[in-house]
Amino acid sequence: MTEERPDKVAEKRPGLSEDQQNVLRVVCYYDVFNHPLTAEEILMNSVLTCTLAETQKQISELVMTGILREKDGYYMLNETSEDSVIRRKEGEERHRQAQDRIKHYSNRIAGFPFVRGVCVSGSYSKGVLKETDDYDYFIITASKRLWLCRSLLRGYKKFFLKQSEKYFCMNYFLEEGNLEVPDHNLFVATEVRTLVPAFNLDLYTTFQKSNEWVNVFLPNRSLYTVVLLPETPVFRWKRRWEAILNGPFGHWLELRLFNFMNRRRRKKFSHFSEEEFNLNMRTQQGAEKHHPGGTQQRVLSEYARRLHRYGISV
């Protein structure tokens, strides 16, 4: 897929500099999630090459023109309610309160056979949590054991976490030998670069280096240097099960599970085109994604609609 730089401007709004347009791009994107930003966050999530002080100057000018508004150090589009700041602060408090639970379930996931890396995604990775938000995880598995690993985790969630399913949502799996995410756009770049590593910092770093295309969209976003689980847990039973399932039986079971899920999903989501299926319900031997609601397309469409108001191209 051809990558299009987010700072490419086809039609400039009169009176807005390129830096101001890049500020607006960031604010418009996060406005889709009703998520106001600080000046530091705007710089971190932009393609701006200026300093924080220069970024603040561009933001202040946009506030003076009535395009942006400010409340308690957070910036949003002028038409966005200031209640979004209150909701963000409440979300930040829930984020703080959730840390122990996130660590607990990250540790539990890391203990399953063939799990090689665990990252936290979704709202938590953006520093907030709503009351209704799930706890989302991005999981890297051993090569040629993704579907076996996924099935064990899904089975555990279904039969043992009936009252706690929201804390154990796994929405993306990749194998350690297949780390590049194929969808190159702002939504995916944001999800990739904001992942919070919970287990196996080295693999998280390797994953990020395998997706350097993200730097086209988020050159100012730095990587994490610590994990949520600083000490590597010891999983004796994990090693035993891996020894059992690493042989011919494990190969047979991996293929059977993949074929079963592929047939089941294609039947259930037969209304999807091949492109839509691969985008939302990726079912491959090296990758699995479960986004039946089409979140990526919806977010990018809403983002483009907001930019259009200001005569800015995607």
C-alpha atoms as a PDB file:
ATOM      1  CA  MET A   1       0.000   0.000   0.000  1.00  0.00           C
ATOM      2  CA  THR A   2       1.334   3.439  -0.873  1.00  0.00           C
ATOM      3  CA  GLU A   3       2.104   5.597   2.123  1.00  0.00           C
ATOM      4  CA  GLU A   4       0.867   9.169   1.941  1.00  0.00           C
ATOM      5  CA  ARG A   5       2.581  11.680   4.160  1.00  0.00           C
ATOM      6  CA  PRO A   6       0.071  13.246   6.574  1.00  0.00           C
ATOM      7  CA  ASP A   7       1.714  16.656   6.135  1.00  0.00           C
ATOM      8  CA  LYS A   8       1.087  16.751   2.384  1.00  0.00           C
ATOM      9  CA  VAL A   9      -1.256  19.677   1.758  1.00  0.00           C
ATOM     10  CA  ALA A  10      -3.342  19.752  -1.404  1.00  0.00           C
ATOM     11  CA  GLU A  11      -5.316  22.875  -0.559  1.00  0.00           C
ATOM     12  CA  LYS A  12      -4.201  25.335   2.112  1.00  0.00           C
ATOM     13  CA  ARG A  13      -6.732  27.249   4.161  1.00  0.00           C
ATOM     14  CA  PRO A  14      -5.995  30.971   3.801  1.00  0.00           C
ATOM     15  CA  GLY A  15      -4.220  32.348   6.849  1.00  0.00           C
ATOM     16  CA  LEU A  16      -3.087  28.964   8.203  1.00  0.00           C
ATOM     17  CA  SER A  17       0.593  28.101   8.070  1.00  0.00           C
ATOM     18  CA  GLU A  18       1.743  24.553   7.411  1.00  0.00           C
ATOM     19  CA  ASP A  19       2.649  24.151  11.096  1.00  0.00           C
ATOM     20  CA  GLN A  20      -0.814  25.319  12.145  1.00  0.00           C
ATOM     21  CA  GLN A  21      -2.384  22.838   9.754  1.00  0.00           C
ATOM     22  CA  ASN A  22      -0.261  20.065  11.271  1.00  0.00           C
ATOM     23  CA  VAL A  23      -1.421  21.107  14.740  1.00  0.00           C
ATOM     24  CA  LEU A  24      -5.004  20.929  13.519  1.00  0.00           C
ATOM     25  CA  ARG A  25      -4.444  17.473  12.057  1.00  0.00           C
ATOM     26  CA  VAL A  26      -3.546  16.126  15.485  1.00  0.00           C
ATOM     27  CA  VAL A  27      -6.412  17.877  17.280  1.00  0.00           C
ATOM     28  CA  CYS A  28      -8.899  16.736  14.609  1.00  0.00           C
ATOM     29  CA  TYR A  29      -7.751  13.123  14.868  1.00  0.00           C
ATOM     30  CA  TYR A  30      -8.131  12.957  18.642  1.00  0.00           C
ATOM     31  CA  ASP A  31     -11.403  14.885  18.447  1.00  0.00           C
ATOM     32  CA  VAL A  32     -12.870  11.747  16.847  1.00  0.00           C
ATOM     33  CA  PHE A  33     -12.371  10.154  20.280  1.00  0.00           C
ATOM     34  CA  ASN A  34     -13.515  13.298  22.153  1.00  0.00           C
ATOM     35  CA  HIS A  35     -10.012  13.477  23.596  1.00  0.00           C
ATOM     36  CA  PRO A  36      -8.553  16.984  24.193  1.00  0.00           C
ATOM     37  CA  LEU A  37      -4.757  17.282  24.206  1.00  0.00           C
ATOM     38  CA  THR A  38      -1.979  19.178  25.940  1.00  0.00           C
ATOM     39  CA  ALA A  39       0.594  21.113  23.907  1.00  0.00           C
ATOM     40  CA  GLU A  40       3.181  18.408  24.636  1.00  0.00           C
ATOM     41  CA  GLU A  41       0.833  15.721  23.322  1.00  0.00           C
ATOM     42  CA  ILE A  42       0.113  17.721  20.168  1.00  0.00           C
ATOM     43  CA  LEU A  43       3.836  17.975  19.415  1.00  0.00           C
ATOM     44  CA  MET A  44       4.436  14.302  20.269  1.00  0.00           C
ATOM     45  CA  ASN A  45       1.662  13.124  17.929  1.00  0.00           C
ATOM     46  CA  SER A  46       2.494  15.426  15.010  1.00  0.00           C
ATOM     47  CA  VAL A  47       5.012  15.724  12.175  1.00  0.00           C
ATOM     48  CA  LEU A  48       6.104  19.131  13.486  1.00  0.00           C
ATOM     49  CA  THR A  49       9.840  19.788  13.526  1.00  0.00           C
ATOM     50  CA  CYS A  50       9.641  22.812  15.848  1.00  0.00           C
ATOM     51  CA  THR A  51      10.203  23.092  19.598  1.00  0.00           C
ATOM     52  CA  LEU A  52       7.518  22.862  22.259  1.00  0.00           C
ATOM     53  CA  ALA A  53       7.617  26.651  22.689  1.00  0.00           C
ATOM     54  CA  GLU A  54       7.115  27.145  18.949  1.00  0.00           C
ATOM     55  CA  THR A  55       4.309  24.586  18.983  1.00  0.00           C
ATOM     56  CA  GLN A  56       2.640  26.447  21.816  1.00  0.00           C
ATOM     57  CA  LYS A  57       2.853  29.642  19.762  1.00  0.00           C
ATOM     58  CA  GLN A  58       1.067  27.971  16.822  1.00  0.00           C
ATOM     59  CA  ILE A  59      -1.597  26.635  19.173  1.00  0.00           C
ATOM     60  CA  SER A  60      -2.122  30.049  20.791  1.00  0.00           C
ATOM     61  CA  GLU A  61      -2.637  31.637  17.383  1.00  0.00           C
ATOM     62  CA  LEU A  62      -5.238  28.994  16.523  1.00  0.00           C
ATOM     63  CA  VAL A  63      -6.994  29.755  19.818  1.00  0.00           C
ATOM     64  CA  MET A  64      -6.990  33.481  18.991  1.00  0.00           C
ATOM     65  CA  THR A  65      -8.570  32.809  15.595  1.00  0.00           C
ATOM     66  CA  GLY A  66     -11.348  30.812  17.254  1.00  0.00           C
ATOM     67  CA  ILE A  67     -10.423  27.486  15.635  1.00  0.00           C
ATOM     68  CA  LEU A  68      -9.235  25.930  18.894  1.00  0.00           C
ATOM     69  CA  ARG A  69     -10.263  26.472  22.491  1.00  0.00           C
ATOM     70  CA  GLU A  70      -8.412  25.839  25.737  1.00  0.00           C
ATOM     71  CA  LYS A  71      -9.471  24.638  29.168  1.00  0.00           C
ATOM     72  CA  ASP A  72      -7.128  23.725  32.032  1.00  0.00           C
ATOM     73  CA  GLY A  73      -4.196  23.303  29.673  1.00  0.00           C
ATOM     74  CA  TYR A  74      -6.074  21.026  27.251  1.00  0.00           C
ATOM     75  CA  TYR A  75      -6.863  22.024  23.660  1.00  0.00           C
ATOM     76  CA  MET A  76      -9.808  21.010  21.481  1.00  0.00           C
ATOM     77  CA  LEU A  77     -11.739  22.203  18.459  1.00  0.00           C
ATOM     78  CA  ASN A  78     -13.825  25.281  19.221  1.00  0.00           C
ATOM     79  CA  GLU A  79     -17.103  23.435  18.647  1.00  0.00           C
ATOM     80  CA  THR A  80     -16.127  20.629  21.060  1.00  0.00           C
ATOM     81  CA  SER A  81     -17.728  20.861  24.497  1.00  0.00           C
ATOM     82  CA  GLU A  82     -15.476  21.714  27.425  1.00  0.00           C
ATOM     83  CA  ASP A  83     -17.081  18.734  29.177  1.00  0.00           C
ATOM     84  CA  SER A  84     -14.599  16.626  27.225  1.00  0.00           C
ATOM     85  CA  VAL A  85     -11.867  17.924  29.557  1.00  0.00           C
ATOM     86  CA  ILE A  86     -13.839  16.758  32.586  1.00  0.00           C
ATOM     87  CA  ARG A  87     -14.323  13.345  30.989  1.00  0.00           C
ATOM     88  CA  ARG A  88     -10.630  13.138  30.134  1.00  0.00           C
ATOM     89  CA  LYS A  89      -9.631  13.881  33.744  1.00  0.00           C
ATOM     90  CA  GLU A  90     -12.047  11.219  34.959  1.00  0.00           C
ATOM     91  CA  GLY A  91     -10.551   8.819  32.416  1.00  0.00           C
ATOM     92  CA  GLU A  92      -7.044   9.597  33.645  1.00  0.00           C
ATOM     93  CA  GLU A  93      -8.082   8.744  37.201  1.00  0.00           C
ATOM     94  CA  ARG A  94      -9.580   5.419  36.076  1.00  0.00           C
ATOM     95  CA  HIS A  95      -6.343   4.767  34.186  1.00  0.00           C
ATOM     96  CA  ARG A  96      -4.354   5.206  37.399  1.00  0.00           C
ATOM     97  CA  GLN A  97      -6.734   2.975  39.340  1.00  0.00           C
ATOM     98  CA  ALA A  98      -6.532   0.250  36.664  1.00  0.00           C
ATOM     99  CA  GLN A  99      -2.757  -0.206  36.705  1.00  0.00           C
ATOM    100  CA  ASP A 100      -2.658  -3.054  39.219  1.00  0.00           C
ATOM    101  CA  ARG A 101      -5.414  -4.909  37.399  1.00  0.00           C
ATOM    102  CA  ILE A 102      -3.688  -4.386  34.039  1.00  0.00           C
ATOM    103  CA  LYS A 103      -0.462  -5.820  35.472  1.00  0.00           C
ATOM    104  CA  HIS A 104      -2.356  -8.771  36.956  1.00  0.00           C
ATOM    105  CA  TYR A 105      -3.989  -9.771  33.678  1.00  0.00           C
ATOM    106  CA  SER A 106      -0.864  -9.030  31.635  1.00  0.00           C
ATOM    107  CA  ASN A 107       1.008 -11.435  33.890  1.00  0.00           C
ATOM    108  CA  ARG A 108      -1.710 -14.032  33.444  1.00  0.00           C
ATOM    109  CA  ILE A 109      -1.598 -13.731  29.644  1.00  0.00           C
ATOM    110  CA  ALA A 110       2.203 -13.925  29.640  1.00  0.00           C
ATOM    111  CA  GLY A 111       1.969 -17.257  31.449  1.00  0.00           C
ATOM    112  CA  PHE A 112       0.150 -19.016  28.601  1.00  0.00           C
ATOM    113  CA  PRO A 113       2.007 -21.369  26.266  1.00  0.00           C
ATOM    114  CA  PHE A 114       3.610 -19.713  23.239  1.00  0.00           C
ATOM    115  CA  VAL A 115       2.993 -16.129  24.415  1.00  0.00           C
ATOM    116  CA  ARG A 116       6.216 -14.252  23.691  1.00  0.00           C
ATOM    117  CA  GLY A 117       5.179 -10.622  24.183  1.00  0.00           C
ATOM    118  CA  VAL A 118       2.272  -8.694  25.692  1.00  0.00           C
ATOM    119  CA  CYS A 119       1.373  -5.039  25.123  1.00  0.00           C
ATOM    120  CA  VAL A 120      -1.630  -3.046  26.308  1.00  0.00           C
ATOM    121  CA  SER A 121      -3.576  -1.247  23.571  1.00  0.00           C
ATOM    122  CA  GLY A 122      -6.895   0.579  23.279  1.00  0.00           C
ATOM    123  CA  SER A 123      -7.868   3.431  25.575  1.00  0.00           C
ATOM    124  CA  TYR A 124      -5.385   2.470  28.281  1.00  0.00           C
ATOM    125  CA  SER A 125      -2.486   3.072  25.905  1.00  0.00           C
ATOM    126  CA  LYS A 126      -3.760   6.651  25.423  1.00  0.00           C
ATOM    127  CA  GLY A 127      -3.672   7.327  29.163  1.00  0.00           C
ATOM    128  CA  VAL A 128      -7.412   7.129  29.842  1.00  0.00           C
ATOM    129  CA  LEU A 129     -10.192   4.619  30.531  1.00  0.00           C
ATOM    130  CA  LYS A 130     -13.942   5.027  30.321  1.00  0.00           C
ATOM    131  CA  GLU A 131     -16.214   3.054  32.621  1.00  0.00           C
ATOM    132  CA  THR A 132     -17.367   0.961  29.664  1.00  0.00           C
ATOM    133  CA  ASP A 133     -13.906   0.378  28.140  1.00  0.00           C
ATOM    134  CA  ASP A 134     -12.454  -3.093  27.778  1.00  0.00           C
ATOM    135  CA  TYR A 135      -8.845  -3.806  28.717  1.00  0.00           C
ATOM    136  CA  ASP A 136      -7.288  -4.516  25.316  1.00  0.00           C
ATOM    137  CA  TYR A 137      -4.122  -6.504  24.678  1.00  0.00           C
ATOM    138  CA  PHE A 138      -1.824  -6.933  21.697  1.00  0.00           C
ATOM    139  CA  ILE A 139      -0.084 -10.306  21.815  1.00  0.00           C
ATOM    140  CA  ILE A 140       2.973 -11.665  20.020  1.00  0.00           C
ATOM    141  CA  THR A 141       3.181 -15.450  19.870  1.00  0.00           C
ATOM    142  CA  ALA A 142       5.790 -18.021  18.972  1.00  0.00           C
ATOM    143  CA  SER A 143       6.095 -18.757  15.258  1.00  0.00           C
ATOM    144  CA  LYS A 144       3.588 -21.279  13.887  1.00  0.00           C
ATOM    145  CA  ARG A 145       1.662 -21.398  17.170  1.00  0.00           C
ATOM    146  CA  LEU A 146      -0.537 -18.302  16.927  1.00  0.00           C
ATOM    147  CA  TRP A 147      -3.863 -20.107  16.573  1.00  0.00           C
ATOM    148  CA  LEU A 148      -3.073 -22.629  19.273  1.00  0.00           C
ATOM    149  CA  CYS A 149      -2.034 -19.837  21.643  1.00  0.00           C
ATOM    150  CA  ARG A 150      -5.105 -17.791  20.781  1.00  0.00           C
ATOM    151  CA  SER A 151      -7.437 -20.751  21.330  1.00  0.00           C
ATOM    152  CA  LEU A 152      -5.998 -21.447  24.773  1.00  0.00           C
ATOM    153  CA  LEU A 153      -6.433 -17.805  25.791  1.00  0.00           C
ATOM    154  CA  ARG A 154      -9.957 -17.559  24.352  1.00  0.00           C
ATOM    155  CA  GLY A 155     -10.941 -20.819  26.038  1.00  0.00           C
ATOM    156  CA  TYR A 156      -9.665 -19.591  29.386  1.00  0.00           C
ATOM    157  CA  LYS A 157     -11.552 -16.315  29.000  1.00  0.00           C
ATOM    158  CA  LYS A 158     -14.799 -18.042  28.028  1.00  0.00           C
ATOM    159  CA  PHE A 159     -14.847 -20.687  30.749  1.00  0.00           C
ATOM    160  CA  PHE A 160     -13.085 -19.028  33.682  1.00  0.00           C
ATOM    161  CA  LEU A 161     -13.624 -15.253  33.345  1.00  0.00           C
ATOM    162  CA  LYS A 162     -17.339 -14.962  32.747  1.00  0.00           C
ATOM    163  CA  GLN A 163     -17.647 -12.084  35.219  1.00  0.00           C
ATOM    164  CA  SER A 164     -14.372 -10.430  34.185  1.00  0.00           C
ATOM    165  CA  GLU A 165     -14.269 -10.734  30.387  1.00  0.00           C
ATOM    166  CA  LYS A 166     -13.800  -6.988  29.875  1.00  0.00           C
ATOM    167  CA  TYR A 167     -10.385  -7.221  31.571  1.00  0.00           C
ATOM    168  CA  PHE A 168      -9.118  -9.874  29.156  1.00  0.00           C
ATOM    169  CA  CYS A 169      -9.785  -8.638  25.607  1.00  0.00           C
ATOM    170  CA  MET A 170      -7.258  -9.760  23.000  1.00  0.00           C
ATOM    171  CA  ASN A 171      -7.889  -7.960  19.732  1.00  0.00           C
ATOM    172  CA  TYR A 172      -4.664  -8.501  17.777  1.00  0.00           C
ATOM    173  CA  PHE A 173      -2.191 -11.376  17.515  1.00  0.00           C
ATOM    174  CA  LEU A 174       1.055 -11.537  15.537  1.00  0.00           C
ATOM    175  CA  GLU A 175       3.753 -14.190  15.311  1.00  0.00           C
ATOM    176  CA  GLU A 176       7.277 -13.211  16.334  1.00  0.00           C
ATOM    177  CA  GLY A 177       8.526 -14.050  12.828  1.00  0.00           C
ATOM    178  CA  ASN A 178       5.874 -11.851  11.171  1.00  0.00           C
ATOM    179  CA  LEU A 179       5.999  -8.516  12.973  1.00  0.00           C
ATOM    180  CA  GLU A 180       5.192  -5.915  10.311  1.00  0.00           C
ATOM    181  CA  VAL A 181       1.611  -4.645  10.396  1.00  0.00           C
ATOM    182  CA  PRO A 182       0.424  -4.356   6.768  1.00  0.00           C
ATOM    183  CA  ASP A 183      -2.067  -1.480   7.125  1.00  0.00           C
ATOM    184  CA  HIS A 184      -0.099   1.763   6.735  1.00  0.00           C
ATOM    185  CA  ASN A 185      -2.261   4.694   7.825  1.00  0.00           C
ATOM    186  CA  LEU A 186      -2.589   7.147  10.711  1.00  0.00           C
ATOM    187  CA  PHE A 187      -4.990   4.980  12.715  1.00  0.00           C
ATOM    188  CA  VAL A 188      -2.722   1.937  12.672  1.00  0.00           C
ATOM    189  CA  ALA A 189       0.407   4.047  13.191  1.00  0.00           C
ATOM    190  CA  THR A 190      -1.164   5.547  16.323  1.00  0.00           C
ATOM    191  CA  GLU A 191      -2.191   2.148  17.652  1.00  0.00           C
ATOM    192  CA  VAL A 192       1.267   0.688  16.991  1.00  0.00           C
ATOM    193  CA  ARG A 193       3.318   3.511  18.487  1.00  0.00           C
ATOM    194  CA  THR A 194       1.123   3.974  21.590  1.00  0.00           C
ATOM    195  CA  LEU A 195       1.276   0.314  22.619  1.00  0.00           C
ATOM    196  CA  VAL A 196       2.372  -0.023  26.240  1.00  0.00           C
ATOM    197  CA  PRO A 197       4.798  -2.956  26.681  1.00  0.00           C
ATOM    198  CA  ALA A 198       3.793  -5.210  29.562  1.00  0.00           C
ATOM    199  CA  PHE A 199       6.001  -8.273  28.992  1.00  0.00           C
ATOM    200  CA  ASN A 200       9.235  -8.715  26.978  1.00  0.00           C
ATOM    201  CA  LEU A 201      10.700  -5.288  26.265  1.00  0.00           C
ATOM    202  CA  ASP A 202      13.206  -6.661  23.727  1.00  0.00           C
ATOM    203  CA  LEU A 203      10.431  -8.114  21.574  1.00  0.00           C
ATOM    204  CA  TYR A 204       8.426  -4.886  21.850  1.00  0.00           C
ATOM    205  CA  THR A 205      11.485  -2.978  20.592  1.00  0.00           C
ATOM    206  CA  THR A 206      11.979  -5.450  17.734  1.00  0.00           C
ATOM    207  CA  PHE A 207       8.310  -5.065  16.813  1.00  0.00           C
ATOM    208  CA  GLN A 208       8.595  -1.279  16.704  1.00  0.00           C
ATOM    209  CA  LYS A 209      11.739  -1.481  14.548  1.00  0.00           C
ATOM    210  CA  SER A 210       9.872  -3.830  12.192  1.00  0.00           C
ATOM    211  CA  ASN A 211       7.278  -1.088  11.725  1.00  0.00           C
ATOM    212  CA  GLU A 212       9.481   1.927  11.063  1.00  0.00           C
ATOM    213  CA  TRP A 213       6.937   3.094   8.474  1.00  0.00           C
ATOM    214  CA  VAL A 214       5.126   4.511  11.535  1.00  0.00           C
ATOM    215  CA  ASN A 215       7.743   7.288  11.641  1.00  0.00           C
ATOM    216  CA  VAL A 216       6.175   8.785   8.499  1.00  0.00           C
ATOM    217  CA  PHE A 217       3.117   9.602  10.614  1.00  0.00           C
ATOM    218  CA  LEU A 218       4.561   9.935  14.131  1.00  0.00           C
ATOM    219  CA  PRO A 219       8.241  10.922  13.954  1.00  0.00           C
ATOM    220  CA  ASN A 220       8.125  12.628  17.379  1.00  0.00           C
ATOM    221  CA  ARG A 221       6.682   9.685  19.309  1.00  0.00           C
ATOM    222  CA  SER A 222       9.405   7.936  21.325  1.00  0.00           C
ATOM    223  CA  LEU A 223       9.408   4.273  22.371  1.00  0.00           C
ATOM    224  CA  TYR A 224       8.918   2.977  25.892  1.00  0.00           C
ATOM    225  CA  THR A 225      12.060   1.864  27.724  1.00  0.00           C
ATOM    226  CA  VAL A 226      10.424  -0.005  30.633  1.00  0.00           C
ATOM    227  CA  VAL A 227       7.688  -2.633  30.872  1.00  0.00           C
ATOM    228  CA  LEU A 228       4.741  -2.972  33.242  1.00  0.00           C
ATOM    229  CA  LEU A 229       6.129  -6.320  34.461  1.00  0.00           C
ATOM    230  CA  PRO A 230       9.752  -5.403  35.225  1.00  0.00           C
ATOM    231  CA  GLU A 231      10.689  -8.886  36.442  1.00  0.00           C
ATOM    232  CA  THR A 232      10.313 -11.772  34.002  1.00  0.00           C
ATOM    233  CA  PRO A 233       7.863 -14.224  35.594  1.00  0.00           C
ATOM    234  CA  VAL A 234       8.768 -17.908  35.896  1.00  0.00           C
ATOM    235  CA  PHE A 235       6.194 -20.154  34.202  1.00  0.00           C
ATOM    236  CA  ARG A 236       7.153 -23.792  34.781  1.00  0.00           C
ATOM    237  CA  TRP A 237       3.885 -25.234  33.537  1.00  0.00           C
ATOM    238  CA  LYS A 238       4.134 -23.023  30.440  1.00  0.00           C
ATOM    239  CA  ARG A 239       7.429 -24.663  29.460  1.00  0.00           C
ATOM    240  CA  ARG A 240       5.981 -28.120  30.040  1.00  0.00           C
ATOM    241  CA  TRP A 241       2.979 -27.502  27.804  1.00  0.00           C
ATOM    242  CA  GLU A 242       5.150 -25.972  25.108  1.00  0.00           C
ATOM    243  CA  ALA A 243       7.359 -29.075  25.136  1.00  0.00           C
ATOM    244  CA  ILE A 244       4.274 -31.240  24.593  1.00  0.00           C
ATOM    245  CA  LEU A 245       2.783 -29.048  21.868  1.00  0.00           C
ATOM    246  CA  ASN A 246       5.962 -28.291  19.932  1.00  0.00           C
ATOM    247  CA  GLY A 247       5.951 -31.613  18.105  1.00  0.00           C
ATOM    248  CA  PRO A 248       3.902 -33.047  15.226  1.00  0.00           C
ATOM    249  CA  PHE A 249       0.699 -33.005  17.265  1.00  0.00           C
ATOM    250  CA  GLY A 250       1.103 -29.278  17.863  1.00  0.00           C
ATOM    251  CA  HIS A 251       1.656 -28.663  14.133  1.00  0.00           C
ATOM    252  CA  TRP A 252      -1.480 -30.652  13.291  1.00  0.00           C
ATOM    253  CA  LEU A 253      -3.560 -28.870  15.927  1.00  0.00           C
ATOM    254  CA  GLU A 254      -2.334 -25.406  14.828  1.00  0.00           C
ATOM    255  CA  LEU A 255      -3.409 -26.052  11.240  1.00  0.00           C
ATOM    256  CA  ARG A 256      -6.773 -27.495  12.275  1.00  0.00           C
ATOM    257  CA  LEU A 257      -7.557 -24.515  14.485  1.00  0.00           C
ATOM    258  CA  PHE A 258      -6.600 -22.042  11.748  1.00  0.00           C
ATOM    259  CA  ASN A 259      -8.704 -23.788   9.100  1.00  0.00           C
ATOM    260  CA  PHE A 260     -11.677 -24.068  11.450  1.00  0.00           C
ATOM    261  CA  MET A 261     -11.617 -20.385  12.391  1.00  0.00           C
ATOM    262  CA  ASN A 262     -11.062 -19.264   8.801  1.00  0.00           C
ATOM    263  CA  ARG A 263     -14.109 -21.197   7.585  1.00  0.00           C
ATOM    264  CA  ARG A 264     -16.225 -20.028  10.498  1.00  0.00           C
ATOM    265  CA  ARG A 265     -15.378 -16.370  10.076  1.00  0.00           C
ATOM    266  CA  ARG A 266     -15.804 -16.329   6.314  1.00  0.00           C
ATOM    267  CA  LYS A 267     -19.258 -17.813   6.742  1.00  0.00           C
ATOM    268  CA  LYS A 268     -20.235 -15.440   9.551  1.00  0.00           C
ATOM    269  CA  PHE A 269     -18.880 -12.349   7.769  1.00  0.00           C
ATOM    270  CA  SER A 270     -19.805 -13.337   4.222  1.00  0.00           C
ATOM    271  CA  HIS A 271     -21.266  -9.840   3.739  1.00  0.00           C
ATOM    272  CA  PHE A 272     -17.713  -8.428   3.850  1.00  0.00           C
ATOM    273  CA  SER A 273     -15.751  -8.017   0.650  1.00  0.00           C
ATOM    274  CA  GLU A 274     -12.338  -9.703   0.601  1.00  0.00           C
ATOM    275  CA  GLU A 275     -10.700  -6.353   1.308  1.00  0.00           C
ATOM    276  CA  GLU A 276     -13.048  -5.610   4.217  1.00  0.00           C
ATOM    277  CA  PHE A 277     -12.557  -9.093   5.632  1.00  0.00           C
ATOM    278  CA  ASN A 278      -8.768  -8.821   5.557  1.00  0.00           C
ATOM    279  CA  LEU A 279      -8.895  -5.368   7.115  1.00  0.00           C
ATOM    280  CA  ASN A 280     -11.317  -6.095   9.962  1.00  0.00           C
ATOM    281  CA  MET A 281     -11.188  -9.841  10.535  1.00  0.00           C
ATOM    282  CA  ARG A 282      -7.646 -10.712   9.483  1.00  0.00           C
ATOM    283  CA  THR A 283      -7.393 -14.493   9.644  1.00  0.00           C
ATOM    284  CA  GLN A 284      -3.963 -15.636   8.533  1.00  0.00           C
ATOM    285  CA  GLN A 285      -1.470 -18.195   9.754  1.00  0.00           C
ATOM    286  CA  GLY A 286       0.785 -15.405  11.001  1.00  0.00           C
ATOM    287  CA  ALA A 287      -1.728 -12.765  12.093  1.00  0.00           C
ATOM    288  CA  GLU A 288      -5.183 -12.451  13.657  1.00  0.00           C
ATOM    289  CA  LYS A 289      -7.350  -9.383  14.114  1.00  0.00           C
ATOM    290  CA  HIS A 290     -10.901  -9.121  15.412  1.00  0.00           C
ATOM    291  CA  HIS A 291     -12.486  -5.726  14.635  1.00  0.00           C
ATOM    292  CA  PRO A 292     -15.951  -6.612  13.270  1.00  0.00           C
ATOM    293  CA  GLY A 293     -17.240  -3.069  13.822  1.00  0.00           C
ATOM    294  CA  GLY A 294     -14.906  -1.539  11.240  1.00  0.00           C
ATOM    295  CA  THR A 295     -13.357   0.881  13.737  1.00  0.00           C
ATOM    296  CA  GLN A 296     -10.430   1.775  11.490  1.00  0.00           C
ATOM    297  CA  GLN A 297     -12.573   2.902   8.541  1.00  0.00           C
ATOM    298  CA  ARG A 298     -14.975   4.804  10.773  1.00  0.00           C
ATOM    299  CA  VAL A 299     -12.219   6.708  12.574  1.00  0.00           C
ATOM    300  CA  LEU A 300     -10.374   7.636   9.373  1.00  0.00           C
ATOM    301  CA  SER A 301     -13.632   8.748   7.738  1.00  0.00           C
ATOM    302  CA  GLU A 302     -14.516  10.970  10.713  1.00  0.00           C
ATOM    303  CA  TYR A 303     -10.990  12.356  10.744  1.00  0.00           C
ATOM    304  CA  ALA A 304     -11.162  13.236   7.030  1.00  0.00           C
ATOM    305  CA  ARG A 305     -14.548  14.908   7.563  1.00  0.00           C
ATOM    306  CA  ARG A 306     -13.111  17.143  10.277  1.00  0.00           C
ATOM    307  CA  LEU A 307     -10.112  18.111   8.146  1.00  0.00           C
ATOM    308  CA  HIS A 308     -12.412  18.964   5.250  1.00  0.00           C
ATOM    309  CA  ARG A 309     -14.050  21.685   7.372  1.00  0.00           C
ATOM    310  CA  TYR A 310     -10.737  23.537   7.429  1.00  0.00           C
ATOM    311  CA  GLY A 311      -9.780  22.843   3.814  1.00  0.00           C
ATOM    312  CA  ILE A 312      -6.951  20.527   4.884  1.00  0.00           C
ATOM    313  CA  SER A 313      -6.122  17.327   3.037  1.00  0.00           C
ATOM    314  CA  VAL A 314      -5.550  14.010   4.784  1.00  0.00           C
END
